[in-house]
C-alpha atoms as a PDB file:
ATOM      1  CA  MET A   1     109.173 150.488 114.049  1.00  0.00           C
ATOM      2  CA  THR A   2     106.001 149.467 115.913  1.00  0.00           C
ATOM      3  CA  ALA A   3     103.603 147.398 113.838  1.00  0.00           C
ATOM      4  CA  SER A   4      99.945 148.385 113.498  1.00  0.00           C
ATOM      5  CA  LEU A   5      97.237 146.693 115.566  1.00  0.00           C
ATOM      6  CA  GLU A   6      95.810 145.122 112.413  1.00  0.00           C
ATOM      7  CA  GLN A   7      99.172 143.518 111.608  1.00  0.00           C
ATOM      8  CA  LEU A   8      99.592 142.251 115.169  1.00  0.00           C
ATOM      9  CA  ARG A   9      96.149 140.627 115.190  1.00  0.00           C
ATOM     10  CA  ARG A  10      97.332 138.368 112.375  1.00  0.00           C
ATOM     11  CA  CYS A  11     100.335 137.117 114.401  1.00  0.00           C
ATOM     12  CA  HIS A  12     100.234 133.679 116.027  1.00  0.00           C
ATOM     13  CA  PHE A  13     102.841 134.143 118.761  1.00  0.00           C
ATOM     14  CA  ALA A  14     105.017 136.844 120.324  1.00  0.00           C
ATOM     15  CA  VAL A  15     108.506 136.746 121.832  1.00  0.00           C
ATOM     16  CA  ASP A  16     110.093 139.127 124.326  1.00  0.00           C
ATOM     17  CA  LEU A  17     113.850 138.508 124.165  1.00  0.00           C
ATOM     18  CA  GLY A  18     115.026 140.325 127.261  1.00  0.00           C
ATOM     19  CA  ALA A  19     118.555 140.566 128.610  1.00  0.00           C
ATOM     20  CA  ALA A  20     117.613 138.483 131.658  1.00  0.00           C
ATOM     21  CA  ARG A  21     114.596 136.380 130.667  1.00  0.00           C
ATOM     22  CA  THR A  22     112.901 135.128 127.507  1.00  0.00           C
ATOM     23  CA  ARG A  23     109.103 135.100 127.379  1.00  0.00           C
ATOM     24  CA  VAL A  24     106.843 133.640 124.696  1.00  0.00           C
ATOM     25  CA  TYR A  25     103.120 134.326 124.311  1.00  0.00           C
ATOM     26  CA  VAL A  26     101.071 132.035 122.059  1.00  0.00           C
ATOM     27  CA  LYS A  27      97.742 133.306 120.750  1.00  0.00           C
ATOM     28  CA  GLY A  28      94.909 131.463 122.462  1.00  0.00           C
ATOM     29  CA  ALA A  29      97.222 129.764 124.981  1.00  0.00           C
ATOM     30  CA  GLY A  30      98.730 132.726 126.846  1.00  0.00           C
ATOM     31  CA  LEU A  31     102.215 132.908 128.343  1.00  0.00           C
ATOM     32  CA  VAL A  32     103.899 129.549 127.681  1.00  0.00           C
ATOM     33  CA  VAL A  33     107.588 130.366 128.333  1.00  0.00           C
ATOM     34  CA  ASP A  34     109.141 132.508 131.077  1.00  0.00           C
ATOM     35  CA  GLN A  35     112.746 131.372 131.530  1.00  0.00           C
ATOM     36  CA  PRO A  36     116.202 132.967 131.905  1.00  0.00           C
ATOM     37  CA  SER A  37     117.939 133.730 128.592  1.00  0.00           C
ATOM     38  CA  VAL A  38     120.770 131.307 129.323  1.00  0.00           C
ATOM     39  CA  ALA A  39     122.103 128.201 127.552  1.00  0.00           C
ATOM     40  CA  ALA A  40     124.806 125.699 128.500  1.00  0.00           C
ATOM     41  CA  VAL A  41     126.888 124.216 125.658  1.00  0.00           C
ATOM     42  CA  ASN A  42     129.377 121.346 125.478  1.00  0.00           C
ATOM     43  CA  THR A  43     132.337 122.931 123.658  1.00  0.00           C
ATOM     44  CA  ARG A  44     133.735 119.521 122.667  1.00  0.00           C
ATOM     45  CA  THR A  45     130.664 118.319 120.801  1.00  0.00           C
ATOM     46  CA  GLY A  46     128.670 121.534 120.319  1.00  0.00           C
ATOM     47  CA  ALA A  47     125.646 119.900 121.971  1.00  0.00           C
ATOM     48  CA  LEU A  48     123.183 121.995 123.943  1.00  0.00           C
ATOM     49  CA  ILE A  49     123.134 120.644 127.505  1.00  0.00           C
ATOM     50  CA  ALA A  50     120.600 122.863 129.255  1.00  0.00           C
ATOM     51  CA  VAL A  51     118.575 126.044 128.818  1.00  0.00           C
ATOM     52  CA  GLY A  52     116.645 128.372 131.111  1.00  0.00           C
ATOM     53  CA  GLU A  53     116.701 128.046 134.883  1.00  0.00           C
ATOM     54  CA  PHE A  54     118.806 124.874 134.958  1.00  0.00           C
ATOM     55  CA  ALA A  55     121.463 126.479 132.749  1.00  0.00           C
ATOM     56  CA  GLU A  56     121.463 129.582 134.948  1.00  0.00           C
ATOM     57  CA  ARG A  57     122.106 127.452 138.049  1.00  0.00           C
ATOM     58  CA  MET A  58     125.141 125.998 136.248  1.00  0.00           C
ATOM     59  CA  THR A  59     126.815 129.426 135.967  1.00  0.00           C
ATOM     60  CA  GLY A  60     130.246 129.298 137.597  1.00  0.00           C
ATOM     61  CA  ARG A  61     129.829 125.628 138.544  1.00  0.00           C
ATOM     62  CA  THR A  62     130.772 123.799 135.327  1.00  0.00           C
ATOM     63  CA  PRO A  63     133.936 121.998 134.140  1.00  0.00           C
ATOM     64  CA  ASP A  64     136.023 123.752 131.504  1.00  0.00           C
ATOM     65  CA  TYR A  65     134.390 121.986 128.532  1.00  0.00           C
ATOM     66  CA  ILE A  66     130.909 123.300 129.420  1.00  0.00           C
ATOM     67  CA  ARG A  67     130.292 126.957 128.623  1.00  0.00           C
ATOM     68  CA  VAL A  68     127.286 128.932 129.877  1.00  0.00           C
ATOM     69  CA  VAL A  69     126.319 131.615 127.343  1.00  0.00           C
ATOM     70  CA  ARG A  70     123.737 134.394 127.052  1.00  0.00           C
ATOM     71  CA  PRO A  71     122.715 134.777 123.399  1.00  0.00           C
ATOM     72  CA  VAL A  72     120.774 137.966 124.207  1.00  0.00           C
ATOM     73  CA  THR A  73     122.473 141.073 125.620  1.00  0.00           C
ATOM     74  CA  GLY A  74     120.618 144.263 126.442  1.00  0.00           C
ATOM     75  CA  GLY A  75     117.517 143.106 124.593  1.00  0.00           C
ATOM     76  CA  THR A  76     119.555 142.524 121.407  1.00  0.00           C
ATOM     77  CA  VAL A  77     120.313 139.090 119.957  1.00  0.00           C
ATOM     78  CA  VAL A  78     124.103 138.744 119.724  1.00  0.00           C
ATOM     79  CA  ASP A  79     124.178 135.050 118.720  1.00  0.00           C
ATOM     80  CA  ILE A  80     121.334 134.249 116.328  1.00  0.00           C
ATOM     81  CA  GLU A  81     122.035 130.515 116.019  1.00  0.00           C
ATOM     82  CA  MET A  82     122.260 129.987 119.773  1.00  0.00           C
ATOM     83  CA  ALA A  83     119.140 132.091 120.375  1.00  0.00           C
ATOM     84  CA  GLN A  84     117.220 129.902 117.913  1.00  0.00           C
ATOM     85  CA  ARG A  85     118.411 126.696 119.582  1.00  0.00           C
ATOM     86  CA  MET A  86     117.532 128.095 123.009  1.00  0.00           C
ATOM     87  CA  LEU A  87     114.026 129.087 121.873  1.00  0.00           C
ATOM     88  CA  ARG A  88     113.388 125.677 120.304  1.00  0.00           C
ATOM     89  CA  HIS A  89     114.187 123.914 123.567  1.00  0.00           C
ATOM     90  CA  LEU A  90     112.215 126.409 125.662  1.00  0.00           C
ATOM     91  CA  LEU A  91     109.110 126.058 123.484  1.00  0.00           C
ATOM     92  CA  GLY A  92     109.180 122.269 123.524  1.00  0.00           C
ATOM     93  CA  ASP A  93     107.967 119.826 120.884  1.00  0.00           C
ATOM     94  CA  LYS A  94     104.255 120.220 121.656  1.00  0.00           C
ATOM     95  CA  VAL A  95     104.119 124.002 121.193  1.00  0.00           C
ATOM     96  CA  ARG A  96     106.376 123.866 118.119  1.00  0.00           C
ATOM     97  CA  ARG A  97     104.119 121.269 116.480  1.00  0.00           C
ATOM     98  CA  THR A  98     101.101 123.487 117.167  1.00  0.00           C
ATOM     99  CA  LEU A  99     102.811 126.488 115.575  1.00  0.00           C
ATOM    100  CA  ARG A 100     104.000 124.499 112.557  1.00  0.00           C
ATOM    101  CA  ARG A 101     100.382 123.655 111.708  1.00  0.00           C
ATOM    102  CA  LYS A 102      99.690 127.327 110.944  1.00  0.00           C
ATOM    103  CA  PRO A 103      99.576 127.786 107.163  1.00  0.00           C
ATOM    104  CA  ARG A 104     101.455 131.090 107.220  1.00  0.00           C
ATOM    105  CA  LEU A 105     103.116 131.513 110.598  1.00  0.00           C
ATOM    106  CA  ARG A 106     103.444 135.107 111.784  1.00  0.00           C
ATOM    107  CA  ALA A 107     105.362 136.289 114.835  1.00  0.00           C
ATOM    108  CA  ALA A 108     105.830 139.496 116.828  1.00  0.00           C
ATOM    109  CA  ALA A 109     109.004 140.516 118.663  1.00  0.00           C
ATOM    110  CA  CYS A 110     109.596 143.154 121.327  1.00  0.00           C
ATOM    111  CA  THR A 111     112.608 145.361 120.574  1.00  0.00           C
ATOM    112  CA  PRO A 112     114.161 148.192 122.606  1.00  0.00           C
ATOM    113  CA  HIS A 113     113.229 151.765 121.771  1.00  0.00           C
ATOM    114  CA  ASN A 114     115.247 153.163 118.847  1.00  0.00           C
ATOM    115  CA  ALA A 115     116.964 149.813 118.269  1.00  0.00           C
ATOM    116  CA  ASP A 116     119.446 150.040 115.403  1.00  0.00           C
ATOM    117  CA  PRO A 117     118.680 148.217 112.115  1.00  0.00           C
ATOM    118  CA  LEU A 118     121.215 145.502 112.911  1.00  0.00           C
ATOM    119  CA  ALA A 119     119.457 144.668 116.193  1.00  0.00           C
ATOM    120  CA  GLN A 120     116.080 144.637 114.453  1.00  0.00           C
ATOM    121  CA  ARG A 121     117.430 142.328 111.767  1.00  0.00           C
ATOM    122  CA  ALA A 122     118.855 139.957 114.384  1.00  0.00           C
ATOM    123  CA  ALA A 123     115.442 139.676 116.076  1.00  0.00           C
ATOM    124  CA  ILE A 124     113.748 138.986 112.739  1.00  0.00           C
ATOM    125  CA  GLU A 125     116.323 136.358 111.706  1.00  0.00           C
ATOM    126  CA  THR A 126     115.943 134.589 115.063  1.00  0.00           C
ATOM    127  CA  LEU A 127     112.188 134.122 114.622  1.00  0.00           C
ATOM    128  CA  VAL A 128     112.453 133.317 110.923  1.00  0.00           C
ATOM    129  CA  GLY A 129     114.707 130.432 111.959  1.00  0.00           C
ATOM    130  CA  LEU A 130     111.801 129.126 114.069  1.00  0.00           C
ATOM    131  CA  GLY A 131     109.570 128.960 111.003  1.00  0.00           C
ATOM    132  CA  ALA A 132     107.944 132.412 111.004  1.00  0.00           C
ATOM    133  CA  ARG A 133     107.087 133.629 107.503  1.00  0.00           C
ATOM    134  CA  ARG A 134     106.658 137.222 108.673  1.00  0.00           C
ATOM    135  CA  VAL A 135     107.876 139.040 111.810  1.00  0.00           C
ATOM    136  CA  GLU A 136     106.373 142.259 113.189  1.00  0.00           C
ATOM    137  CA  LEU A 137     108.436 144.449 115.537  1.00  0.00           C
ATOM    138  CA  VAL A 138     106.868 146.114 118.575  1.00  0.00           C
ATOM    139  CA  ASP A 139     108.466 148.830 120.686  1.00  0.00           C
ATOM    140  CA  THR A 140     108.969 147.508 124.221  1.00  0.00           C
ATOM    141  CA  LEU A 141     107.760 150.810 125.712  1.00  0.00           C
ATOM    142  CA  ILE A 142     104.364 150.644 123.987  1.00  0.00           C
ATOM    143  CA  ALA A 143     103.981 146.917 124.693  1.00  0.00           C
ATOM    144  CA  ALA A 144     104.766 147.395 128.392  1.00  0.00           C
ATOM    145  CA  ALA A 145     102.364 150.351 128.648  1.00  0.00           C
ATOM    146  CA  VAL A 146      99.545 148.269 127.162  1.00  0.00           C
ATOM    147  CA  GLY A 147     100.445 145.331 129.395  1.00  0.00           C
ATOM    148  CA  CYS A 148     100.143 147.326 132.623  1.00  0.00           C
ATOM    149  CA  GLY A 149      96.821 148.896 131.609  1.00  0.00           C
ATOM    150  CA  LEU A 150      97.840 152.457 130.743  1.00  0.00           C
ATOM    151  CA  PRO A 151      95.384 154.261 128.396  1.00  0.00           C
ATOM    152  CA  VAL A 152      97.987 154.769 125.687  1.00  0.00           C
ATOM    153  CA  GLU A 153      95.421 155.231 122.894  1.00  0.00           C
ATOM    154  CA  ARG A 154      93.822 158.308 124.515  1.00  0.00           C
ATOM    155  CA  PRO A 155      94.919 161.960 124.036  1.00  0.00           C
ATOM    156  CA  GLU A 156      96.391 162.202 127.531  1.00  0.00           C
ATOM    157  CA  ALA A 157      99.844 161.651 128.923  1.00  0.00           C
ATOM    158  CA  SER A 158     101.073 158.349 130.321  1.00  0.00           C
ATOM    159  CA  MET A 159     104.635 157.999 131.629  1.00  0.00           C
ATOM    160  CA  ILE A 160     106.262 154.601 131.814  1.00  0.00           C
ATOM    161  CA  MET A 161     109.648 153.409 133.033  1.00  0.00           C
ATOM    162  CA  VAL A 162     110.836 149.995 131.841  1.00  0.00           C
ATOM    163  CA  CYS A 163     113.510 148.870 134.309  1.00  0.00           C
ATOM    164  CA  GLY A 164     115.377 146.093 132.521  1.00  0.00           C
ATOM    165  CA  ALA A 165     118.485 144.128 133.353  1.00  0.00           C
ATOM    166  CA  ALA A 166     120.798 145.970 130.954  1.00  0.00           C
ATOM    167  CA  ALA A 167     119.051 149.329 130.453  1.00  0.00           C
ATOM    168  CA  THR A 168     116.237 151.540 131.676  1.00  0.00           C
ATOM    169  CA  GLU A 169     113.831 153.139 129.218  1.00  0.00           C
ATOM    170  CA  VAL A 170     111.650 156.128 130.118  1.00  0.00           C
ATOM    171  CA  ALA A 171     108.921 157.507 127.863  1.00  0.00           C
ATOM    172  CA  VAL A 172     105.843 159.717 127.739  1.00  0.00           C
ATOM    173  CA  LEU A 173     103.045 158.256 125.591  1.00  0.00           C
ATOM    174  CA  SER A 174      99.955 159.844 124.076  1.00  0.00           C
ATOM    175  CA  LEU A 175      97.543 158.830 121.283  1.00  0.00           C
ATOM    176  CA  GLY A 176      99.218 155.435 120.948  1.00  0.00           C
ATOM    177  CA  SER A 177     102.642 156.865 120.151  1.00  0.00           C
ATOM    178  CA  ILE A 178     105.814 157.890 121.959  1.00  0.00           C
ATOM    179  CA  VAL A 179     106.034 161.655 122.495  1.00  0.00           C
ATOM    180  CA  THR A 180     109.513 161.621 123.997  1.00  0.00           C
ATOM    181  CA  ALA A 181     111.727 158.841 125.290  1.00  0.00           C
ATOM    182  CA  GLU A 182     115.172 158.237 126.742  1.00  0.00           C
ATOM    183  CA  ARG A 183     117.220 155.033 127.013  1.00  0.00           C
ATOM    184  CA  ILE A 184     119.664 154.916 129.936  1.00  0.00           C
ATOM    185  CA  ARG A 185     122.265 152.152 129.834  1.00  0.00           C
ATOM    186  CA  VAL A 186     121.852 151.405 133.528  1.00  0.00           C
ATOM    187  CA  GLY A 187     119.757 148.481 134.732  1.00  0.00           C
ATOM    188  CA  GLY A 188     119.623 145.689 137.255  1.00  0.00           C
ATOM    189  CA  GLU A 189     122.987 144.320 136.116  1.00  0.00           C
ATOM    190  CA  ALA A 190     124.665 147.675 136.884  1.00  0.00           C
ATOM    191  CA  VAL A 191     123.194 147.577 140.398  1.00  0.00           C
ATOM    192  CA  ASP A 192     124.476 144.022 140.869  1.00  0.00           C
ATOM    193  CA  HIS A 193     127.914 145.064 139.628  1.00  0.00           C
ATOM    194  CA  ALA A 194     127.991 148.020 142.036  1.00  0.00           C
ATOM    195  CA  ILE A 195     127.327 145.715 144.998  1.00  0.00           C
ATOM    196  CA  VAL A 196     129.957 143.201 143.849  1.00  0.00           C
ATOM    197  CA  GLN A 197     132.563 145.961 143.479  1.00  0.00           C
ATOM    198  CA  HIS A 198     131.688 147.414 146.883  1.00  0.00           C
ATOM    199  CA  LEU A 199     132.237 144.048 148.588  1.00  0.00           C
ATOM    200  CA  ARG A 200     135.494 143.528 146.716  1.00  0.00           C
ATOM    201  CA  HIS A 201     136.996 146.921 147.553  1.00  0.00           C
ATOM    202  CA  GLN A 202     135.651 147.436 151.079  1.00  0.00           C
ATOM    203  CA  HIS A 203     135.655 143.858 152.414  1.00  0.00           C
ATOM    204  CA  GLU A 204     138.055 142.067 150.019  1.00  0.00           C
ATOM    205  CA  LEU A 205     135.287 139.569 149.342  1.00  0.00           C
ATOM    206  CA  MET A 206     134.528 138.067 145.941  1.00  0.00           C
ATOM    207  CA  LEU A 207     130.850 137.438 145.317  1.00  0.00           C
ATOM    208  CA  PRO A 208     129.415 135.879 142.140  1.00  0.00           C
ATOM    209  CA  SER A 209     126.854 138.168 140.549  1.00  0.00           C
ATOM    210  CA  GLN A 210     124.120 135.513 140.626  1.00  0.00           C
ATOM    211  CA  ASN A 211     124.295 135.581 144.447  1.00  0.00           C
ATOM    212  CA  VAL A 212     123.679 139.325 144.718  1.00  0.00           C
ATOM    213  CA  ARG A 213     119.877 139.123 144.709  1.00  0.00           C
ATOM    214  CA  PRO A 214     119.649 137.775 148.295  1.00  0.00           C
ATOM    215  CA  LEU A 215     121.666 140.802 149.427  1.00  0.00           C
ATOM    216  CA  GLN A 216     119.172 143.149 147.764  1.00  0.00           C
ATOM    217  CA  LEU A 217     116.299 141.311 149.440  1.00  0.00           C
ATOM    218  CA  ALA A 218     118.069 141.661 152.776  1.00  0.00           C
ATOM    219  CA  LEU A 219     117.676 145.404 152.420  1.00  0.00           C
ATOM    220  CA  SER A 220     113.956 144.812 153.182  1.00  0.00           C
ATOM    221  CA  GLY A 221     110.981 146.655 151.722  1.00  0.00           C
ATOM    222  CA  ASN A 222     112.663 150.027 152.261  1.00  0.00           C
ATOM    223  CA  GLY A 223     115.975 149.017 150.734  1.00  0.00           C
ATOM    224  CA  LEU A 224     117.082 152.468 149.542  1.00  0.00           C
ATOM    225  CA  THR A 225     115.959 154.224 152.711  1.00  0.00           C
ATOM    226  CA  SER A 226     117.342 154.197 156.241  1.00  0.00           C
ATOM    227  CA  HIS A 227     114.500 152.059 157.642  1.00  0.00           C
ATOM    228  CA  GLY A 228     116.042 148.736 156.593  1.00  0.00           C
ATOM    229  CA  PRO A 229     118.279 146.421 158.664  1.00  0.00           C
ATOM    230  CA  THR A 230     121.596 147.876 159.826  1.00  0.00           C
ATOM    231  CA  SER A 231     123.705 144.913 158.700  1.00  0.00           C
ATOM    232  CA  THR A 232     123.524 141.522 157.009  1.00  0.00           C
ATOM    233  CA  GLU A 233     125.864 138.525 156.783  1.00  0.00           C
ATOM    234  CA  ILE A 234     127.329 137.724 153.367  1.00  0.00           C
ATOM    235  CA  HIS A 235     129.279 134.590 152.362  1.00  0.00           C
ATOM    236  CA  GLY A 236     131.954 134.697 149.669  1.00  0.00           C
ATOM    237  CA  ARG A 237     135.604 134.062 148.867  1.00  0.00           C
ATOM    238  CA  ASP A 238     138.534 136.013 150.271  1.00  0.00           C
ATOM    239  CA  VAL A 239     140.388 137.919 147.548  1.00  0.00           C
ATOM    240  CA  ALA A 240     143.858 137.303 149.032  1.00  0.00           C
ATOM    241  CA  THR A 241     143.663 133.739 150.362  1.00  0.00           C
ATOM    242  CA  GLY A 242     140.914 132.283 148.182  1.00  0.00           C
ATOM    243  CA  LEU A 243     139.283 130.737 151.251  1.00  0.00           C
ATOM    244  CA  ALA A 244     135.607 130.900 152.127  1.00  0.00           C
ATOM    245  CA  ARG A 245     134.777 133.794 154.437  1.00  0.00           C
ATOM    246  CA  SER A 246     131.728 135.521 155.929  1.00  0.00           C
ATOM    247  CA  VAL A 247     131.483 139.233 156.675  1.00  0.00           C
ATOM    248  CA  GLN A 248     128.946 141.534 158.288  1.00  0.00           C
ATOM    249  CA  VAL A 249     128.070 144.151 155.689  1.00  0.00           C
ATOM    250  CA  ASP A 250     126.780 147.600 156.633  1.00  0.00           C
ATOM    251  CA  THR A 251     123.603 148.031 154.591  1.00  0.00           C
ATOM    252  CA  ALA A 252     123.916 151.836 154.688  1.00  0.00           C
ATOM    253  CA  ALA A 253     127.117 151.532 152.657  1.00  0.00           C
ATOM    254  CA  VAL A 254     125.390 149.125 150.278  1.00  0.00           C
ATOM    255  CA  ARG A 255     122.556 151.605 149.828  1.00  0.00           C
ATOM    256  CA  HIS A 256     125.118 154.266 148.930  1.00  0.00           C
ATOM    257  CA  ALA A 257     126.726 151.939 146.370  1.00  0.00           C
ATOM    258  CA  ILE A 258     123.330 151.206 144.807  1.00  0.00           C
ATOM    259  CA  GLN A 259     122.362 154.881 144.596  1.00  0.00           C
ATOM    260  CA  THR A 260     125.411 155.747 142.497  1.00  0.00           C
ATOM    261  CA  PRO A 261     124.288 153.968 139.273  1.00  0.00           C
ATOM    262  CA  LEU A 262     120.640 154.906 139.885  1.00  0.00           C
ATOM    263  CA  THR A 263     121.559 158.596 139.695  1.00  0.00           C
ATOM    264  CA  ALA A 264     121.852 158.210 135.920  1.00  0.00           C
ATOM    265  CA  VAL A 265     118.275 156.858 135.841  1.00  0.00           C
ATOM    266  CA  LEU A 266     116.999 159.903 137.731  1.00  0.00           C
ATOM    267  CA  ASP A 267     118.839 162.175 135.285  1.00  0.00           C
ATOM    268  CA  GLY A 268     117.146 160.385 132.380  1.00  0.00           C
ATOM    269  CA  VAL A 269     113.699 160.903 133.943  1.00  0.00           C
ATOM    270  CA  GLY A 270     114.447 164.596 134.374  1.00  0.00           C
ATOM    271  CA  LYS A 271     115.570 164.899 130.753  1.00  0.00           C
ATOM    272  CA  VAL A 272     112.331 163.324 129.467  1.00  0.00           C
ATOM    273  CA  LEU A 273     110.223 165.700 131.573  1.00  0.00           C
ATOM    274  CA  ARG A 274     112.206 168.757 130.406  1.00  0.00           C
ATOM    275  CA  VAL A 275     111.588 168.092 126.696  1.00  0.00           C
ATOM    276  CA  CYS A 276     107.970 166.965 127.156  1.00  0.00           C
ATOM    277  CA  PRO A 277     105.206 169.474 126.170  1.00  0.00           C
ATOM    278  CA  PRO A 278     103.869 171.376 129.221  1.00  0.00           C
ATOM    279  CA  ASP A 279     100.271 170.181 128.706  1.00  0.00           C
ATOM    280  CA  LEU A 280     101.357 166.569 128.982  1.00  0.00           C
ATOM    281  CA  VAL A 281     103.536 167.264 132.038  1.00  0.00           C
ATOM    282  CA  ALA A 282     100.449 168.741 133.722  1.00  0.00           C
ATOM    283  CA  ASP A 283      98.660 165.404 133.159  1.00  0.00           C
ATOM    284  CA  LEU A 284     101.606 163.528 134.648  1.00  0.00           C
ATOM    285  CA  ALA A 285     101.445 165.544 137.885  1.00  0.00           C
ATOM    286  CA  ASP A 286      98.254 163.603 138.710  1.00  0.00           C
ATOM    287  CA  ARG A 287      98.910 160.323 136.933  1.00  0.00           C
ATOM    288  CA  GLY A 288     102.560 159.909 137.904  1.00  0.00           C
ATOM    289  CA  ILE A 289     105.017 157.285 136.657  1.00  0.00           C
ATOM    290  CA  MET A 290     104.317 153.602 136.093  1.00  0.00           C
ATOM    291  CA  MET A 291     107.291 151.310 136.742  1.00  0.00           C
ATOM    292  CA  VAL A 292     107.559 147.954 134.972  1.00  0.00           C
ATOM    293  CA  GLY A 293     110.363 145.450 134.419  1.00  0.00           C
ATOM    294  CA  GLY A 294     112.130 143.098 136.809  1.00  0.00           C
ATOM    295  CA  SER A 295     114.354 145.793 138.316  1.00  0.00           C
ATOM    296  CA  ALA A 296     111.274 147.832 139.311  1.00  0.00           C
ATOM    297  CA  LEU A 297     111.030 145.476 142.302  1.00  0.00           C
ATOM    298  CA  LEU A 298     114.336 146.747 143.722  1.00  0.00           C
ATOM    299  CA  PRO A 299     113.408 147.579 147.339  1.00  0.00           C
ATOM    300  CA  GLY A 300     112.891 151.313 147.837  1.00  0.00           C
ATOM    301  CA  PHE A 301     113.511 152.309 144.199  1.00  0.00           C
ATOM    302  CA  ASP A 302     109.979 153.702 143.841  1.00  0.00           C
ATOM    303  CA  GLN A 303     110.394 155.830 146.975  1.00  0.00           C
ATOM    304  CA  MET A 304     113.688 157.189 145.698  1.00  0.00           C
ATOM    305  CA  LEU A 305     112.028 158.134 142.398  1.00  0.00           C
ATOM    306  CA  ARG A 306     109.084 159.706 144.202  1.00  0.00           C
ATOM    307  CA  GLN A 307     111.375 161.910 146.283  1.00  0.00           C
ATOM    308  CA  ALA A 308     113.434 162.984 143.249  1.00  0.00           C
ATOM    309  CA  THR A 309     110.476 163.940 141.012  1.00  0.00           C
ATOM    310  CA  GLY A 310     107.723 164.873 143.459  1.00  0.00           C
ATOM    311  CA  MET A 311     105.314 162.810 141.332  1.00  0.00           C
ATOM    312  CA  PRO A 312     103.245 159.735 142.225  1.00  0.00           C
ATOM    313  CA  VAL A 313     105.078 156.499 141.396  1.00  0.00           C
ATOM    314  CA  HIS A 314     103.292 153.189 140.858  1.00  0.00           C
ATOM    315  CA  ILE A 315     104.627 149.666 140.311  1.00  0.00           C
ATOM    316  CA  ALA A 316     102.660 147.397 137.978  1.00  0.00           C
ATOM    317  CA  GLU A 317     100.984 144.323 139.456  1.00  0.00           C
ATOM    318  CA  ARG A 318     103.255 141.956 137.501  1.00  0.00           C
ATOM    319  CA  PRO A 319     106.044 144.298 136.350  1.00  0.00           C
ATOM    320  CA  ASP A 320     108.290 141.547 134.970  1.00  0.00           C
ATOM    321  CA  ILE A 321     105.840 140.286 132.312  1.00  0.00           C
ATOM    322  CA  CYS A 322     104.104 143.533 131.290  1.00  0.00           C
ATOM    323  CA  ALA A 323     105.814 143.759 127.873  1.00  0.00           C
ATOM    324  CA  VAL A 324     104.905 140.269 126.687  1.00  0.00           C
ATOM    325  CA  GLN A 325     101.404 140.562 128.171  1.00  0.00           C
ATOM    326  CA  GLY A 326     100.947 143.822 126.269  1.00  0.00           C
ATOM    327  CA  VAL A 327     101.900 142.189 122.970  1.00  0.00           C
ATOM    328  CA  GLY A 328      99.582 139.307 123.825  1.00  0.00           C
ATOM    329  CA  THR A 329      96.731 141.760 124.416  1.00  0.00           C
ATOM    330  CA  MET A 330      97.313 143.237 120.963  1.00  0.00           C
ATOM    331  CA  LEU A 331      97.555 139.753 119.394  1.00  0.00           C
ATOM    332  CA  GLU A 332      94.206 138.768 120.903  1.00  0.00           C
ATOM    333  CA  GLY A 333      92.600 142.014 119.647  1.00  0.00           C
ATOM    334  CA  ARG A 334      91.604 143.193 123.128  1.00  0.00           C
ATOM    335  CA  ILE A 335      92.753 146.781 122.522  1.00  0.00           C
ATOM    336  CA  GLN A 336      91.012 149.083 120.070  1.00  0.00           C
ATOM    337  CA  PRO A 337      92.610 152.154 118.460  1.00  0.00           C
ATOM    338  CA  LEU A 338      91.079 155.584 118.930  1.00  0.00           C
ATOM    339  CA  GLU A 339      89.059 156.263 115.773  1.00  0.00           C
ATOM    340  CA  LEU A 340      88.750 159.865 114.651  1.00  0.00           C
ATOM    341  CA  ASP A 341      85.995 160.835 112.223  1.00  0.00           C
ATOM    342  CA  PRO A 342      87.466 162.894 109.386  1.00  0.00           C
ATOM    343  CA  LEU A 343      86.137 166.418 109.171  1.00  0.00           C
ATOM    344  CA  SER A 344      83.832 166.951 106.226  1.00  0.00           C
ATOM    345  CA  SER A 345      84.983 169.679 103.872  1.00  0.00           C
END
């Protein structure tokens, strides 16, 4: 599925259509778009009202004739037409005019590991609608590994964990290819949902999912350990009366609710290590695991992973944009493949 480096060097721009955010890298200009994958539509006229951050702020606060939609779910385009309209508005007229001047516009798209043919086709159709004559597909795992500086082209093991909003992908890479990988359908959204359900069942408090992030930040830098604050105040709506109410939430109970979905992630890491060749696992004992993706910043997640595996765990410098930066690095030709001289017979 992953295009060759030579094919990617011919591309003019790259798009990472994530479940939470859409990022666009233009060759020679760098990262030009980093916005939430959200659009607000007027259902009466079909007009697009807002995209990106402004549309995300409208979630749950609109009249009935305005609908806030997410055309991308789990890294897969589920509404091609809306995704195209969203991308056009996010790029803006200036960038689109620059791209249209290219005689044969080529694009690259990040897709989840082992994406089915329908998902691949949806990504291609979305970029073709923007004027691309040819679309190259790049595995998100390889792109993220390149973006965070892992030596993926060398004959040594590199382990990466892409913590996305809808899923977590774990892989061991060597010689520029994936040796073994696992996709776990648990991501940042599952953690948010666990917190929302905990507050509903234990405190009879309804909390919109977009307000969960402050609660995670309140868990401090050691969010999944016992060194964080003992309690935090949360505002929401009472389930029975519908009135506004504030409660003091025990953060130890919240930590327990968060750990439940993350257990599946730890199981996925263990499965990848069990099927990985022993020589590569020996390399990983020193190198450890590199965490990328927005959910990698969940407080204390790296410590939890370190305790479960006994391996070093590192978080990339900018974990949220590693995938699109990796594709950009390949577009600019800043990474060279390992060349092997053929043996003479």
